[in-house]
Amino acid sequence: MGVLMIIYVLVFIVFALIAFAVLQIKMAGMKVKDFWSFIEANQVLDKLYRFAKKYEKLSSQEQLIFLMEAEKVFSAFDKVPSMLWEEEYQKYMEVLDKYKDIKMIRWTEN
């Protein structure tokens, strides 16, 4: 009986923490879906940042993939307040610079 009571209390605490997190997200003026897409975009930003630092010349296929992924990241970051991602600002700017460079290269080729 005691073990069952402990399990109920732990489940209640987990649900309370989830509800509190959702409440905090709503109070910040965001949607939970937007916040979740921001978390996913943050992971993609790390990958794009490493990619942008590593490769100077990209094939046209790699450029397209980079551009599409970068646009998704930019869209997700635009939906959340900038104070949430100020630690990632440098990575964001590096990816944005690479994005602009690729766009310029593709524009001049066409």
PDB file of N, CA and C in Angstrom:
ATOM      1  N   MET A   1       0.820  -1.202   0.000  1.00  0.00           N
ATOM      2  CA  MET A   1       0.000   0.000   0.000  1.00  0.00           C
ATOM      3  C   MET A   1       0.867   1.270   0.000  1.00  0.00           C
ATOM      4  N   GLY A   2       1.971   1.228   0.759  1.00  0.00           N
ATOM      5  CA  GLY A   2       2.860   2.388   0.845  1.00  0.00           C
ATOM      6  C   GLY A   2       3.543   2.669  -0.474  1.00  0.00           C
ATOM      7  N   VAL A   3       3.948   1.607  -1.204  1.00  0.00           N
ATOM      8  CA  VAL A   3       4.609   1.763  -2.496  1.00  0.00           C
ATOM      9  C   VAL A   3       3.644   2.379  -3.509  1.00  0.00           C
ATOM     10  N   LEU A   4       2.392   1.940  -3.472  1.00  0.00           N
ATOM     11  CA  LEU A   4       1.381   2.473  -4.386  1.00  0.00           C
ATOM     12  C   LEU A   4       1.146   3.963  -4.127  1.00  0.00           C
ATOM     13  N   MET A   5       1.162   4.333  -2.864  1.00  0.00           N
ATOM     14  CA  MET A   5       0.961   5.744  -2.506  1.00  0.00           C
ATOM     15  C   MET A   5       2.137   6.587  -3.013  1.00  0.00           C
ATOM     16  N   ILE A   6       3.347   6.066  -2.905  1.00  0.00           N
ATOM     17  CA  ILE A   6       4.529   6.789  -3.379  1.00  0.00           C
ATOM     18  C   ILE A   6       4.462   6.971  -4.901  1.00  0.00           C
ATOM     19  N   ILE A   7       4.019   5.942  -5.613  1.00  0.00           N
ATOM     20  CA  ILE A   7       3.879   6.029  -7.065  1.00  0.00           C
ATOM     21  C   ILE A   7       2.850   7.093  -7.436  1.00  0.00           C
ATOM     22  N   TYR A   8       1.718   7.135  -6.747  1.00  0.00           N
ATOM     23  CA  TYR A   8       0.697   8.156  -7.008  1.00  0.00           C
ATOM     24  C   TYR A   8       1.242   9.564  -6.772  1.00  0.00           C
ATOM     25  N   VAL A   9       1.995   9.733  -5.693  1.00  0.00           N
ATOM     26  CA  VAL A   9       2.559  11.046  -5.385  1.00  0.00           C
ATOM     27  C   VAL A   9       3.561  11.454  -6.468  1.00  0.00           C
ATOM     28  N   LEU A  10       4.405  10.526  -6.893  1.00  0.00           N
ATOM     29  CA  LEU A  10       5.378  10.836  -7.934  1.00  0.00           C
ATOM     30  C   LEU A  10       4.709  11.184  -9.262  1.00  0.00           C
ATOM     31  N   VAL A  11       3.671  10.455  -9.620  1.00  0.00           N
ATOM     32  CA  VAL A  11       2.926  10.752 -10.848  1.00  0.00           C
ATOM     33  C   VAL A  11       2.277  12.126 -10.748  1.00  0.00           C
ATOM     34  N   PHE A  12       1.722  12.445  -9.595  1.00  0.00           N
ATOM     35  CA  PHE A  12       1.117  13.759  -9.382  1.00  0.00           C
ATOM     36  C   PHE A  12       2.162  14.864  -9.528  1.00  0.00           C
ATOM     37  N   ILE A  13       3.355  14.649  -8.965  1.00  0.00           N
ATOM     38  CA  ILE A  13       4.421  15.651  -9.052  1.00  0.00           C
ATOM     39  C   ILE A  13       4.841  15.859 -10.506  1.00  0.00           C
ATOM     40  N   VAL A  14       4.953  14.779 -11.267  1.00  0.00           N
ATOM     41  CA  VAL A  14       5.326  14.895 -12.677  1.00  0.00           C
ATOM     42  C   VAL A  14       4.291  15.710 -13.445  1.00  0.00           C
ATOM     43  N   PHE A  15       3.021  15.397 -13.248  1.00  0.00           N
ATOM     44  CA  PHE A  15       1.969  16.155 -13.936  1.00  0.00           C
ATOM     45  C   PHE A  15       1.936  17.612 -13.488  1.00  0.00           C
ATOM     46  N   ALA A  16       2.196  17.859 -12.221  1.00  0.00           N
ATOM     47  CA  ALA A  16       2.227  19.233 -11.717  1.00  0.00           C
ATOM     48  C   ALA A  16       3.372  20.013 -12.360  1.00  0.00           C
ATOM     49  N   LEU A  17       4.520  19.384 -12.507  1.00  0.00           N
ATOM     50  CA  LEU A  17       5.662  20.052 -13.143  1.00  0.00           C
ATOM     51  C   LEU A  17       5.396  20.349 -14.621  1.00  0.00           C
ATOM     52  N   ILE A  18       4.769  19.414 -15.299  1.00  0.00           N
ATOM     53  CA  ILE A  18       4.418  19.634 -16.708  1.00  0.00           C
ATOM     54  C   ILE A  18       3.422  20.783 -16.826  1.00  0.00           C
ATOM     55  N   ALA A  19       2.414  20.791 -15.965  1.00  0.00           N
ATOM     56  CA  ALA A  19       1.420  21.869 -15.991  1.00  0.00           C
ATOM     57  C   ALA A  19       2.075  23.217 -15.689  1.00  0.00           C
ATOM     58  N   PHE A  20       3.004  23.234 -14.747  1.00  0.00           N
ATOM     59  CA  PHE A  20       3.706  24.469 -14.410  1.00  0.00           C
ATOM     60  C   PHE A  20       4.534  24.968 -15.597  1.00  0.00           C
ATOM     61  N   ALA A  21       5.217  24.048 -16.296  1.00  0.00           N
ATOM     62  CA  ALA A  21       6.016  24.426 -17.466  1.00  0.00           C
ATOM     63  C   ALA A  21       5.131  25.002 -18.567  1.00  0.00           C
ATOM     64  N   VAL A  22       3.989  24.363 -18.807  1.00  0.00           N
ATOM     65  CA  VAL A  22       3.054  24.859 -19.828  1.00  0.00           C
ATOM     66  C   VAL A  22       2.532  26.228 -19.435  1.00  0.00           C
ATOM     67  N   LEU A  23       2.229  26.414 -18.169  1.00  0.00           N
ATOM     68  CA  LEU A  23       1.753  27.713 -17.678  1.00  0.00           C
ATOM     69  C   LEU A  23       2.805  28.791 -17.896  1.00  0.00           C
ATOM     70  N   GLN A  24       4.058  28.478 -17.603  1.00  0.00           N
ATOM     71  CA  GLN A  24       5.137  29.445 -17.807  1.00  0.00           C
ATOM     72  C   GLN A  24       5.298  29.814 -19.284  1.00  0.00           C
ATOM     73  N   ILE A  25       5.166  28.832 -20.151  1.00  0.00           N
ATOM     74  CA  ILE A  25       5.267  29.096 -21.592  1.00  0.00           C
ATOM     75  C   ILE A  25       4.127  29.996 -22.045  1.00  0.00           C
ATOM     76  N   LYS A  26       2.919  29.702 -21.568  1.00  0.00           N
ATOM     77  CA  LYS A  26       1.757  30.528 -21.934  1.00  0.00           C
ATOM     78  C   LYS A  26       1.904  31.947 -21.393  1.00  0.00           C
ATOM     79  N   MET A  27       2.419  32.079 -20.168  1.00  0.00           N
ATOM     80  CA  MET A  27       2.589  33.401 -19.570  1.00  0.00           C
ATOM     81  C   MET A  27       3.640  34.220 -20.316  1.00  0.00           C
ATOM     82  N   ALA A  28       4.561  33.558 -20.970  1.00  0.00           N
ATOM     83  CA  ALA A  28       5.574  34.260 -21.762  1.00  0.00           C
ATOM     84  C   ALA A  28       5.012  34.696 -23.117  1.00  0.00           C
ATOM     85  N   GLY A  29       3.757  34.332 -23.402  1.00  0.00           N
ATOM     86  CA  GLY A  29       3.111  34.752 -24.636  1.00  0.00           C
ATOM     87  C   GLY A  29       3.396  33.848 -25.818  1.00  0.00           C
ATOM     88  N   MET A  30       3.778  32.622 -25.539  1.00  0.00           N
ATOM     89  CA  MET A  30       4.095  31.689 -26.621  1.00  0.00           C
ATOM     90  C   MET A  30       3.113  30.527 -26.606  1.00  0.00           C
ATOM     91  N   LYS A  31       3.083  29.848 -27.716  1.00  0.00           N
ATOM     92  CA  LYS A  31       2.335  28.606 -27.798  1.00  0.00           C
ATOM     93  C   LYS A  31       3.300  27.473 -27.492  1.00  0.00           C
ATOM     94  N   VAL A  32       2.784  26.406 -26.912  1.00  0.00           N
ATOM     95  CA  VAL A  32       3.629  25.257 -26.575  1.00  0.00           C
ATOM     96  C   VAL A  32       4.247  24.673 -27.844  1.00  0.00           C
ATOM     97  N   LYS A  33       3.468  24.649 -28.920  1.00  0.00           N
ATOM     98  CA  LYS A  33       3.975  24.121 -30.194  1.00  0.00           C
ATOM     99  C   LYS A  33       5.145  24.957 -30.694  1.00  0.00           C
ATOM    100  N   ASP A  34       5.045  26.281 -30.581  1.00  0.00           N
ATOM    101  CA  ASP A  34       6.137  27.157 -30.998  1.00  0.00           C
ATOM    102  C   ASP A  34       7.384  26.939 -30.147  1.00  0.00           C
ATOM    103  N   PHE A  35       7.172  26.738 -28.844  1.00  0.00           N
ATOM    104  CA  PHE A  35       8.304  26.500 -27.951  1.00  0.00           C
ATOM    105  C   PHE A  35       8.978  25.174 -28.285  1.00  0.00           C
ATOM    106  N   TRP A  36       8.170  24.163 -28.572  1.00  0.00           N
ATOM    107  CA  TRP A  36       8.738  22.860 -28.921  1.00  0.00           C
ATOM    108  C   TRP A  36       9.506  22.938 -30.243  1.00  0.00           C
ATOM    109  N   SER A  37       8.961  23.672 -31.222  1.00  0.00           N
ATOM    110  CA  SER A  37       9.677  23.822 -32.487  1.00  0.00           C
ATOM    111  C   SER A  37      10.971  24.608 -32.281  1.00  0.00           C
ATOM    112  N   PHE A  38      10.990  25.528 -31.326  1.00  0.00           N
ATOM    113  CA  PHE A  38      12.208  26.257 -30.990  1.00  0.00           C
ATOM    114  C   PHE A  38      13.263  25.306 -30.429  1.00  0.00           C
ATOM    115  N   ILE A  39      12.856  24.390 -29.573  1.00  0.00           N
ATOM    116  CA  ILE A  39      13.797  23.426 -28.999  1.00  0.00           C
ATOM    117  C   ILE A  39      14.392  22.554 -30.108  1.00  0.00           C
ATOM    118  N   GLU A  40      13.546  22.089 -31.004  1.00  0.00           N
ATOM    119  CA  GLU A  40      14.038  21.280 -32.120  1.00  0.00           C
ATOM    120  C   GLU A  40      14.934  22.102 -33.040  1.00  0.00           C
ATOM    121  N   ALA A  41      14.545  23.348 -33.284  1.00  0.00           N
ATOM    122  CA  ALA A  41      15.344  24.219 -34.159  1.00  0.00           C
ATOM    123  C   ALA A  41      16.694  24.535 -33.531  1.00  0.00           C
ATOM    124  N   ASN A  42      16.743  24.574 -32.226  1.00  0.00           N
ATOM    125  CA  ASN A  42      17.998  24.827 -31.534  1.00  0.00           C
ATOM    126  C   ASN A  42      18.988  23.691 -31.793  1.00  0.00           C
ATOM    127  N   GLN A  43      18.489  22.473 -31.835  1.00  0.00           N
ATOM    128  CA  GLN A  43      19.343  21.329 -32.147  1.00  0.00           C
ATOM    129  C   GLN A  43      19.817  21.397 -33.604  1.00  0.00           C
ATOM    130  N   VAL A  44      18.936  21.786 -34.499  1.00  0.00           N
ATOM    131  CA  VAL A  44      19.304  21.912 -35.911  1.00  0.00           C
ATOM    132  C   VAL A  44      20.303  23.053 -36.086  1.00  0.00           C
ATOM    133  N   LEU A  45      20.126  24.119 -35.312  1.00  0.00           N
ATOM    134  CA  LEU A  45      21.059  25.248 -35.387  1.00  0.00           C
ATOM    135  C   LEU A  45      22.470  24.797 -35.037  1.00  0.00           C
ATOM    136  N   ASP A  46      22.608  23.964 -34.031  1.00  0.00           N
ATOM    137  CA  ASP A  46      23.936  23.456 -33.672  1.00  0.00           C
ATOM    138  C   ASP A  46      24.562  22.688 -34.830  1.00  0.00           C
ATOM    139  N   LYS A  47      23.765  21.869 -35.495  1.00  0.00           N
ATOM    140  CA  LYS A  47      24.273  21.098 -36.634  1.00  0.00           C
ATOM    141  C   LYS A  47      24.651  22.017 -37.794  1.00  0.00           C
ATOM    142  N   LEU A  48      23.794  22.987 -38.080  1.00  0.00           N
ATOM    143  CA  LEU A  48      24.081  23.921 -39.172  1.00  0.00           C
ATOM    144  C   LEU A  48      25.320  24.765 -38.868  1.00  0.00           C
ATOM    145  N   TYR A  49      25.483  25.122 -37.608  1.00  0.00           N
ATOM    146  CA  TYR A  49      26.644  25.916 -37.202  1.00  0.00           C
ATOM    147  C   TYR A  49      27.933  25.135 -37.451  1.00  0.00           C
ATOM    148  N   ARG A  50      27.948  23.877 -37.025  1.00  0.00           N
ATOM    149  CA  ARG A  50      29.130  23.042 -37.260  1.00  0.00           C
ATOM    150  C   ARG A  50      29.370  22.858 -38.766  1.00  0.00           C
ATOM    151  N   PHE A  51      28.280  22.692 -39.491  1.00  0.00           N
ATOM    152  CA  PHE A  51      28.373  22.512 -40.947  1.00  0.00           C
ATOM    153  C   PHE A  51      28.914  23.767 -41.611  1.00  0.00           C
ATOM    154  N   ALA A  52      28.429  24.921 -41.193  1.00  0.00           N
ATOM    155  CA  ALA A  52      28.857  26.193 -41.782  1.00  0.00           C
ATOM    156  C   ALA A  52      30.333  26.456 -41.494  1.00  0.00           C
ATOM    157  N   LYS A  53      30.804  26.035 -40.333  1.00  0.00           N
ATOM    158  CA  LYS A  53      32.200  26.234 -39.981  1.00  0.00           C
ATOM    159  C   LYS A  53      33.116  25.275 -40.728  1.00  0.00           C
ATOM    160  N   LYS A  54      32.625  24.076 -41.010  1.00  0.00           N
ATOM    161  CA  LYS A  54      33.463  23.025 -41.570  1.00  0.00           C
ATOM    162  C   LYS A  54      33.624  23.134 -43.085  1.00  0.00           C
ATOM    163  N   TYR A  55      32.567  23.451 -43.777  1.00  0.00           N
ATOM    164  CA  TYR A  55      32.582  23.410 -45.239  1.00  0.00           C
ATOM    165  C   TYR A  55      32.573  24.802 -45.839  1.00  0.00           C
ATOM    166  N   GLU A  56      33.489  25.041 -46.726  1.00  0.00           N
ATOM    167  CA  GLU A  56      33.541  26.310 -47.440  1.00  0.00           C
ATOM    168  C   GLU A  56      32.782  26.222 -48.758  1.00  0.00           C
ATOM    169  N   LYS A  57      33.010  25.154 -49.503  1.00  0.00           N
ATOM    170  CA  LYS A  57      32.332  24.970 -50.787  1.00  0.00           C
ATOM    171  C   LYS A  57      31.309  23.867 -50.648  1.00  0.00           C
ATOM    172  N   LEU A  58      30.103  24.152 -51.093  1.00  0.00           N
ATOM    173  CA  LEU A  58      29.021  23.181 -51.036  1.00  0.00           C
ATOM    174  C   LEU A  58      28.509  22.904 -52.444  1.00  0.00           C
ATOM    175  N   SER A  59      28.074  21.687 -52.650  1.00  0.00           N
ATOM    176  CA  SER A  59      27.437  21.376 -53.928  1.00  0.00           C
ATOM    177  C   SER A  59      26.065  22.041 -53.944  1.00  0.00           C
ATOM    178  N   SER A  60      25.455  22.111 -55.108  1.00  0.00           N
ATOM    179  CA  SER A  60      24.141  22.765 -55.198  1.00  0.00           C
ATOM    180  C   SER A  60      23.103  22.024 -54.349  1.00  0.00           C
ATOM    181  N   GLN A  61      23.210  20.697 -54.278  1.00  0.00           N
ATOM    182  CA  GLN A  61      22.283  19.912 -53.444  1.00  0.00           C
ATOM    183  C   GLN A  61      22.481  20.258 -51.969  1.00  0.00           C
ATOM    184  N   GLU A  62      23.722  20.343 -51.527  1.00  0.00           N
ATOM    185  CA  GLU A  62      24.018  20.692 -50.130  1.00  0.00           C
ATOM    186  C   GLU A  62      23.575  22.118 -49.825  1.00  0.00           C
ATOM    187  N   GLN A  63      23.721  23.005 -50.796  1.00  0.00           N
ATOM    188  CA  GLN A  63      23.260  24.377 -50.597  1.00  0.00           C
ATOM    189  C   GLN A  63      21.762  24.424 -50.389  1.00  0.00           C
ATOM    190  N   LEU A  64      21.019  23.691 -51.206  1.00  0.00           N
ATOM    191  CA  LEU A  64      19.560  23.672 -51.060  1.00  0.00           C
ATOM    192  C   LEU A  64      19.144  23.130 -49.708  1.00  0.00           C
ATOM    193  N   ILE A  65      19.769  22.056 -49.281  1.00  0.00           N
ATOM    194  CA  ILE A  65      19.439  21.472 -47.980  1.00  0.00           C
ATOM    195  C   ILE A  65      19.760  22.457 -46.863  1.00  0.00           C
ATOM    196  N   PHE A  66      20.923  23.090 -46.956  1.00  0.00           N
ATOM    197  CA  PHE A  66      21.308  24.080 -45.949  1.00  0.00           C
ATOM    198  C   PHE A  66      20.298  25.222 -45.901  1.00  0.00           C
ATOM    199  N   LEU A  67      19.911  25.722 -47.056  1.00  0.00           N
ATOM    200  CA  LEU A  67      18.962  26.833 -47.114  1.00  0.00           C
ATOM    201  C   LEU A  67      17.612  26.457 -46.513  1.00  0.00           C
ATOM    202  N   MET A  68      17.111  25.271 -46.852  1.00  0.00           N
ATOM    203  CA  MET A  68      15.810  24.855 -46.327  1.00  0.00           C
ATOM    204  C   MET A  68      15.853  24.672 -44.812  1.00  0.00           C
ATOM    205  N   GLU A  69      16.898  24.043 -44.315  1.00  0.00           N
ATOM    206  CA  GLU A  69      17.012  23.829 -42.871  1.00  0.00           C
ATOM    207  C   GLU A  69      17.201  25.158 -42.135  1.00  0.00           C
ATOM    208  N   ALA A  70      17.993  26.044 -42.716  1.00  0.00           N
ATOM    209  CA  ALA A  70      18.216  27.349 -42.093  1.00  0.00           C
ATOM    210  C   ALA A  70      16.924  28.160 -42.036  1.00  0.00           C
ATOM    211  N   GLU A  71      16.107  28.099 -43.083  1.00  0.00           N
ATOM    212  CA  GLU A  71      14.833  28.818 -43.073  1.00  0.00           C
ATOM    213  C   GLU A  71      13.903  28.290 -41.989  1.00  0.00           C
ATOM    214  N   LYS A  72      13.914  26.979 -41.771  1.00  0.00           N
ATOM    215  CA  LYS A  72      13.112  26.403 -40.687  1.00  0.00           C
ATOM    216  C   LYS A  72      13.589  26.926 -39.330  1.00  0.00           C
ATOM    217  N   VAL A  73      14.895  26.979 -39.154  1.00  0.00           N
ATOM    218  CA  VAL A  73      15.458  27.474 -37.894  1.00  0.00           C
ATOM    219  C   VAL A  73      15.087  28.936 -37.687  1.00  0.00           C
ATOM    220  N   PHE A  74      15.245  29.749 -38.727  1.00  0.00           N
ATOM    221  CA  PHE A  74      14.923  31.167 -38.602  1.00  0.00           C
ATOM    222  C   PHE A  74      13.449  31.372 -38.255  1.00  0.00           C
ATOM    223  N   SER A  75      12.590  30.587 -38.865  1.00  0.00           N
ATOM    224  CA  SER A  75      11.162  30.683 -38.598  1.00  0.00           C
ATOM    225  C   SER A  75      10.851  30.332 -37.147  1.00  0.00           C
ATOM    226  N   ALA A  76      11.450  29.276 -36.652  1.00  0.00           N
ATOM    227  CA  ALA A  76      11.207  28.860 -35.265  1.00  0.00           C
ATOM    228  C   ALA A  76      11.760  29.885 -34.278  1.00  0.00           C
ATOM    229  N   PHE A  77      12.918  30.438 -34.569  1.00  0.00           N
ATOM    230  CA  PHE A  77      13.511  31.421 -33.665  1.00  0.00           C
ATOM    231  C   PHE A  77      12.718  32.728 -33.664  1.00  0.00           C
ATOM    232  N   ASP A  78      12.080  33.061 -34.768  1.00  0.00           N
ATOM    233  CA  ASP A  78      11.277  34.282 -34.835  1.00  0.00           C
ATOM    234  C   ASP A  78      10.029  34.216 -33.956  1.00  0.00           C
ATOM    235  N   LYS A  79       9.583  33.004 -33.638  1.00  0.00           N
ATOM    236  CA  LYS A  79       8.340  32.832 -32.886  1.00  0.00           C
ATOM    237  C   LYS A  79       8.525  32.905 -31.375  1.00  0.00           C
ATOM    238  N   VAL A  80       9.753  32.944 -30.904  1.00  0.00           N
ATOM    239  CA  VAL A  80       9.996  33.004 -29.457  1.00  0.00           C
ATOM    240  C   VAL A  80      10.727  34.293 -29.125  1.00  0.00           C
ATOM    241  N   PRO A  81      10.585  34.754 -27.893  1.00  0.00           N
ATOM    242  CA  PRO A  81      11.283  35.989 -27.496  1.00  0.00           C
ATOM    243  C   PRO A  81      12.802  35.819 -27.599  1.00  0.00           C
ATOM    244  N   SER A  82      13.464  36.882 -27.961  1.00  0.00           N
ATOM    245  CA  SER A  82      14.919  36.818 -28.171  1.00  0.00           C
ATOM    246  C   SER A  82      15.678  36.539 -26.881  1.00  0.00           C
ATOM    247  N   MET A  83      15.087  36.840 -25.736  1.00  0.00           N
ATOM    248  CA  MET A  83      15.794  36.574 -24.475  1.00  0.00           C
ATOM    249  C   MET A  83      16.003  35.079 -24.249  1.00  0.00           C
ATOM    250  N   LEU A  84      15.212  34.231 -24.902  1.00  0.00           N
ATOM    251  CA  LEU A  84      15.376  32.790 -24.757  1.00  0.00           C
ATOM    252  C   LEU A  84      16.575  32.266 -25.522  1.00  0.00           C
ATOM    253  N   TRP A  85      16.959  32.945 -26.563  1.00  0.00           N
ATOM    254  CA  TRP A  85      18.045  32.432 -27.397  1.00  0.00           C
ATOM    255  C   TRP A  85      19.232  33.370 -27.502  1.00  0.00           C
ATOM    256  N   GLU A  86      19.385  34.263 -26.539  1.00  0.00           N
ATOM    257  CA  GLU A  86      20.521  35.179 -26.597  1.00  0.00           C
ATOM    258  C   GLU A  86      21.853  34.450 -26.428  1.00  0.00           C
ATOM    259  N   GLU A  87      21.851  33.269 -25.800  1.00  0.00           N
ATOM    260  CA  GLU A  87      23.075  32.480 -25.686  1.00  0.00           C
ATOM    261  C   GLU A  87      23.473  31.880 -27.035  1.00  0.00           C
ATOM    262  N   GLU A  88      22.497  31.676 -27.894  1.00  0.00           N
ATOM    263  CA  GLU A  88      22.732  31.077 -29.203  1.00  0.00           C
ATOM    264  C   GLU A  88      22.899  32.126 -30.292  1.00  0.00           C
ATOM    265  N   TYR A  89      22.965  33.389 -29.914  1.00  0.00           N
ATOM    266  CA  TYR A  89      23.006  34.487 -30.888  1.00  0.00           C
ATOM    267  C   TYR A  89      24.190  34.361 -31.846  1.00  0.00           C
ATOM    268  N   GLN A  90      25.366  34.029 -31.321  1.00  0.00           N
ATOM    269  CA  GLN A  90      26.557  33.928 -32.170  1.00  0.00           C
ATOM    270  C   GLN A  90      26.388  32.830 -33.221  1.00  0.00           C
ATOM    271  N   LYS A  91      25.880  31.676 -32.810  1.00  0.00           N
ATOM    272  CA  LYS A  91      25.646  30.579 -33.754  1.00  0.00           C
ATOM    273  C   LYS A  91      24.612  30.997 -34.791  1.00  0.00           C
ATOM    274  N   TYR A  92      23.559  31.658 -34.324  1.00  0.00           N
ATOM    275  CA  TYR A  92      22.499  32.120 -35.220  1.00  0.00           C
ATOM    276  C   TYR A  92      23.070  33.049 -36.285  1.00  0.00           C
ATOM    277  N   MET A  93      23.930  33.980 -35.872  1.00  0.00           N
ATOM    278  CA  MET A  93      24.498  34.940 -36.811  1.00  0.00           C
ATOM    279  C   MET A  93      25.454  34.265 -37.794  1.00  0.00           C
ATOM    280  N   GLU A  94      26.212  33.285 -37.328  1.00  0.00           N
ATOM    281  CA  GLU A  94      27.107  32.543 -38.230  1.00  0.00           C
ATOM    282  C   GLU A  94      26.309  31.815 -39.307  1.00  0.00           C
ATOM    283  N   VAL A  95      25.234  31.147 -38.878  1.00  0.00           N
ATOM    284  CA  VAL A  95      24.385  30.425 -39.831  1.00  0.00           C
ATOM    285  C   VAL A  95      23.710  31.415 -40.772  1.00  0.00           C
ATOM    286  N   LEU A  96      23.265  32.544 -40.250  1.00  0.00           N
ATOM    287  CA  LEU A  96      22.644  33.568 -41.086  1.00  0.00           C
ATOM    288  C   LEU A  96      23.631  34.111 -42.117  1.00  0.00           C
ATOM    289  N   ASP A  97      24.868  34.328 -41.710  1.00  0.00           N
ATOM    290  CA  ASP A  97      25.882  34.803 -42.665  1.00  0.00           C
ATOM    291  C   ASP A  97      26.120  33.783 -43.768  1.00  0.00           C
ATOM    292  N   LYS A  98      26.234  32.521 -43.406  1.00  0.00           N
ATOM    293  CA  LYS A  98      26.426  31.463 -44.400  1.00  0.00           C
ATOM    294  C   LYS A  98      25.207  31.382 -45.317  1.00  0.00           C
ATOM    295  N   TYR A  99      24.024  31.540 -44.734  1.00  0.00           N
ATOM    296  CA  TYR A  99      22.770  31.539 -45.506  1.00  0.00           C
ATOM    297  C   TYR A  99      22.793  32.658 -46.546  1.00  0.00           C
ATOM    298  N   LYS A 100      23.184  33.838 -46.115  1.00  0.00           N
ATOM    299  CA  LYS A 100      23.243  34.985 -47.028  1.00  0.00           C
ATOM    300  C   LYS A 100      24.279  34.755 -48.129  1.00  0.00           C
ATOM    301  N   ASP A 101      25.416  34.193 -47.752  1.00  0.00           N
ATOM    302  CA  ASP A 101      26.453  33.909 -48.752  1.00  0.00           C
ATOM    303  C   ASP A 101      25.943  32.935 -49.807  1.00  0.00           C
ATOM    304  N   ILE A 102      25.292  31.874 -49.369  1.00  0.00           N
ATOM    305  CA  ILE A 102      24.771  30.876 -50.311  1.00  0.00           C
ATOM    306  C   ILE A 102      23.706  31.493 -51.201  1.00  0.00           C
ATOM    307  N   LYS A 103      22.826  32.300 -50.610  1.00  0.00           N
ATOM    308  CA  LYS A 103      21.791  32.965 -51.415  1.00  0.00           C
ATOM    309  C   LYS A 103      22.420  33.867 -52.472  1.00  0.00           C
ATOM    310  N   MET A 104      23.468  34.590 -52.081  1.00  0.00           N
ATOM    311  CA  MET A 104      24.131  35.484 -53.024  1.00  0.00           C
ATOM    312  C   MET A 104      24.799  34.679 -54.143  1.00  0.00           C
ATOM    313  N   ILE A 105      25.457  33.601 -53.790  1.00  0.00           N
ATOM    314  CA  ILE A 105      26.105  32.753 -54.801  1.00  0.00           C
ATOM    315  C   ILE A 105      25.069  32.198 -55.769  1.00  0.00           C
ATOM    316  N   ARG A 106      23.980  31.714 -55.236  1.00  0.00           N
ATOM    317  CA  ARG A 106      22.938  31.130 -56.088  1.00  0.00           C
ATOM    318  C   ARG A 106      22.294  32.200 -56.971  1.00  0.00           C
ATOM    319  N   TRP A 107      22.167  33.414 -56.436  1.00  0.00           N
ATOM    320  CA  TRP A 107      21.570  34.503 -57.199  1.00  0.00           C
ATOM    321  C   TRP A 107      22.488  34.908 -58.357  1.00  0.00           C
ATOM    322  N   THR A 108      23.778  34.964 -58.101  1.00  0.00           N
ATOM    323  CA  THR A 108      24.704  35.357 -59.163  1.00  0.00           C
ATOM    324  C   THR A 108      24.841  34.274 -60.226  1.00  0.00           C
ATOM    325  N   GLU A 109      24.672  33.004 -59.827  1.00  0.00           N
ATOM    326  CA  GLU A 109      24.737  31.913 -60.798  1.00  0.00           C
ATOM    327  C   GLU A 109      23.537  31.927 -61.744  1.00  0.00           C
ATOM    328  N   ASN A 110      22.409  32.356 -61.238  1.00  0.00           N
ATOM    329  CA  ASN A 110      21.202  32.401 -62.061  1.00  0.00           C
ATOM    330  C   ASN A 110      21.200  33.666 -62.832  1.00  0.00           C
TER     331      ASN A 110
END
